[in-house]
Amino acid sequence: MEDLSVSTRLFPPGKWAHLSGWTPLAAAPPAASTTISPPSSPGSTPRLATEQQLIRDATERLLVGTPHRSNGSLTIARLAAEAGVPRHRVYEHHADLVAEFKAKAHNGGPTTTDIQALQHQLADARAHIQTLEATAAQLKAKITTLCAVITELTHDTTANNVLTMPSRRHRDA
């Protein structure tokens, strides 16, 4: 009896070779172990160590306000873009750096010119509001004074012009 691999039984040599250069697989060597090793801890492989350093460098650039590869917004997507690391890898393999970045970004980062302009506009608006409130208070005081003057003048002028009406006579008819 001839020992044929599964691939040669399902796809005989030559029959499907015209499809994208397919050739039958050679018999695979037996696997040494069928167990899957657990993922290594961060920093234990050169790729993870390199990504960690890239993410740390990108964090510093974003927090200082000197981005090289992104628009500088303090988001994880921009951190990944700035570091040149796929976003899913940042979330999956570098959760500690993500938490660190969020904490630093929340406590304060660079203030862009847009934010500075808005803060300046807000300060100007608050000063203008205080000026308007002071003016409104002065006008209310003037209105109260003028109302009192009008009332006084009205009483004075009507007091001298009071006419007593003669009493009404009853007519007997």
Protein backbone atom coordinates (compact mmCIF):
# COMPACT_ATOMS: atom_id res chain seq x y z
CA MET A 1 0.00 0.00 0.00
CA GLU A 2 1.32 3.36 -1.00
CA ASP A 3 1.51 6.23 1.59
CA LEU A 4 0.10 9.37 0.02
CA SER A 5 -0.28 12.61 1.91
CA VAL A 6 -3.69 14.20 2.13
CA SER A 7 -2.71 16.90 -0.33
CA THR A 8 -1.65 14.44 -3.01
CA ARG A 9 -4.81 12.37 -2.56
CA LEU A 10 -7.08 15.41 -2.86
CA PHE A 11 -5.03 17.18 -5.50
CA PRO A 12 -3.09 14.73 -7.67
CA PRO A 13 0.23 16.05 -9.05
CA GLY A 14 -0.14 17.87 -12.32
CA LYS A 15 -3.93 18.03 -12.29
CA TRP A 16 -4.16 21.45 -10.63
CA ALA A 17 -0.70 22.77 -11.39
CA HIS A 18 -2.07 25.31 -13.83
CA LEU A 19 -3.77 27.16 -10.95
CA SER A 20 -1.36 29.80 -9.68
CA GLY A 21 1.69 27.58 -9.81
CA TRP A 22 0.40 25.05 -7.26
CA THR A 23 2.59 22.08 -6.53
CA PRO A 24 1.85 19.29 -4.08
CA LEU A 25 3.27 19.67 -0.60
CA ALA A 26 6.05 17.44 0.51
CA ALA A 27 5.33 15.35 3.54
CA ALA A 28 5.60 17.63 6.56
CA PRO A 29 8.02 16.61 9.26
CA PRO A 30 6.32 15.50 12.44
CA ALA A 31 5.72 18.33 14.88
CA ALA A 32 7.98 18.29 17.89
CA SER A 33 5.27 19.61 20.17
CA THR A 34 1.60 20.34 19.61
CA THR A 35 1.28 22.64 22.60
CA ILE A 36 1.06 26.36 22.04
CA SER A 37 3.43 28.41 24.09
CA PRO A 38 1.93 31.33 26.02
CA PRO A 39 2.65 34.80 24.75
CA SER A 40 5.88 36.18 26.04
CA SER A 41 5.90 39.06 28.48
CA PRO A 42 6.34 42.59 27.11
CA GLY A 43 9.91 43.47 26.45
CA SER A 44 11.03 39.88 26.12
CA THR A 45 11.19 39.91 22.33
CA PRO A 46 13.11 42.37 20.22
CA ARG A 47 9.93 43.42 18.37
CA LEU A 48 8.08 44.29 21.58
CA ALA A 49 11.08 46.12 22.99
CA THR A 50 11.43 48.13 19.77
CA GLU A 51 7.71 48.95 19.73
CA GLN A 52 7.83 50.03 23.37
CA GLN A 53 10.67 52.42 22.63
CA LEU A 54 8.88 53.77 19.55
CA ILE A 55 5.71 54.34 21.58
CA ARG A 56 7.61 56.05 24.40
CA ASP A 57 9.37 58.34 21.92
CA ALA A 58 6.06 59.13 20.20
CA THR A 59 4.46 59.87 23.58
CA GLU A 60 7.15 62.41 24.37
CA ARG A 61 6.85 64.06 20.95
CA LEU A 62 3.07 64.34 21.24
CA LEU A 63 3.16 65.69 24.79
CA VAL A 64 5.82 68.24 23.93
CA GLY A 65 3.88 69.25 20.83
CA THR A 66 6.40 68.29 18.15
CA PRO A 67 4.78 65.45 16.18
CA HIS A 68 6.59 64.00 13.14
CA ARG A 69 3.99 61.68 11.60
CA SER A 70 0.60 62.84 12.89
CA ASN A 71 -1.48 65.94 13.47
CA GLY A 72 -0.48 66.06 17.13
CA SER A 73 -3.84 65.35 18.75
CA LEU A 74 -3.58 63.45 22.00
CA THR A 75 -5.39 60.25 21.01
CA ILE A 76 -4.30 56.63 20.92
CA ALA A 77 -4.82 56.54 17.15
CA ARG A 78 -2.41 59.47 16.74
CA LEU A 79 0.02 57.86 19.20
CA ALA A 80 0.06 54.70 17.10
CA ALA A 81 0.50 56.71 13.90
CA GLU A 82 3.28 58.77 15.47
CA ALA A 83 5.06 55.62 16.67
CA GLY A 84 4.57 53.82 13.35
CA VAL A 85 3.02 50.86 15.19
CA PRO A 86 -0.36 49.41 14.16
CA ARG A 87 -3.09 50.55 16.52
CA HIS A 88 -4.24 47.02 17.31
CA ARG A 89 -0.71 46.13 18.46
CA VAL A 90 -0.63 49.18 20.69
CA TYR A 91 -3.88 48.12 22.36
CA GLU A 92 -3.09 44.39 22.49
CA HIS A 93 0.57 44.40 23.52
CA HIS A 94 1.19 47.76 25.16
CA ALA A 95 -1.80 48.42 27.41
CA ASP A 96 0.52 49.75 30.12
CA LEU A 97 1.90 52.39 27.75
CA VAL A 98 -1.64 53.28 26.63
CA ALA A 99 -2.66 53.88 30.25
CA GLU A 100 0.49 55.91 30.86
CA PHE A 101 -0.16 58.02 27.76
CA LYS A 102 -3.80 58.65 28.75
CA ALA A 103 -2.73 59.73 32.24
CA LYS A 104 -0.10 62.11 30.90
CA ALA A 105 -2.39 63.49 28.20
CA HIS A 106 -5.19 64.04 30.72
CA ASN A 107 -2.93 65.94 33.13
CA GLY A 108 -1.83 68.33 30.46
CA GLY A 109 -0.27 68.38 27.10
CA PRO A 110 0.72 71.02 24.67
CA THR A 111 -1.70 73.81 24.07
CA THR A 112 -2.04 74.34 20.38
CA THR A 113 -2.49 77.75 18.84
CA ASP A 114 -6.20 77.01 18.34
CA ILE A 115 -6.63 76.27 22.02
CA GLN A 116 -4.66 79.36 22.98
CA ALA A 117 -6.79 81.52 20.67
CA LEU A 118 -9.98 80.09 22.17
CA GLN A 119 -8.69 80.68 25.70
CA HIS A 120 -7.90 84.29 24.76
CA GLN A 121 -11.39 84.74 23.28
CA LEU A 122 -12.92 83.27 26.43
CA ALA A 123 -10.96 85.67 28.66
CA ASP A 124 -12.04 88.62 26.46
CA ALA A 125 -15.66 87.49 26.58
CA ARG A 126 -15.57 87.19 30.37
CA ALA A 127 -14.12 90.71 30.69
CA HIS A 128 -16.82 92.03 28.35
CA ILE A 129 -19.51 90.29 30.41
CA GLN A 130 -18.20 91.96 33.59
CA THR A 131 -18.29 95.35 31.86
CA LEU A 132 -21.86 94.77 30.67
CA GLU A 133 -22.97 93.64 34.13
CA ALA A 134 -21.49 96.81 35.69
CA THR A 135 -23.23 98.97 33.08
CA ALA A 136 -26.52 97.15 33.65
CA ALA A 137 -26.25 97.76 37.41
CA GLN A 138 -25.63 101.49 36.82
CA LEU A 139 -28.60 101.72 34.45
CA LYS A 140 -30.88 99.96 36.94
CA ALA A 141 -29.86 102.45 39.61
CA LYS A 142 -30.59 105.36 37.25
CA ILE A 143 -33.98 103.88 36.32
CA THR A 144 -34.89 103.54 39.98
CA THR A 145 -33.90 107.16 40.65
CA LEU A 146 -35.82 108.42 37.61
CA CYS A 147 -38.92 106.45 38.62
CA ALA A 148 -38.78 108.08 42.04
CA VAL A 149 -38.43 111.54 40.45
CA ILE A 150 -41.34 110.91 38.09
CA THR A 151 -43.53 109.74 40.96
CA GLU A 152 -42.63 112.79 43.06
CA LEU A 153 -43.33 115.20 40.20
CA THR A 154 -46.61 113.50 39.44
CA HIS A 155 -47.78 113.86 43.04
CA ASP A 156 -46.69 117.49 43.19
CA THR A 157 -48.45 118.52 40.03
CA THR A 158 -51.66 116.69 40.77
CA ALA A 159 -51.88 117.90 44.36
CA ASN A 160 -52.28 121.56 43.31
CA ASN A 161 -54.80 120.77 40.65
CA VAL A 162 -57.24 118.82 42.73
CA LEU A 163 -60.74 120.10 42.22
CA THR A 164 -63.49 119.30 44.60
CA MET A 165 -66.60 118.33 42.81
CA PRO A 166 -69.80 119.82 44.01
CA SER A 167 -72.05 117.36 45.66
CA ARG A 168 -74.77 116.02 43.56
CA ARG A 169 -78.18 117.39 44.07
CA HIS A 170 -81.12 115.16 43.93
CA ARG A 171 -83.86 116.41 41.78
CA ASP A 172 -87.35 115.76 42.81
CA ALA A 173 -89.43 115.42 39.84
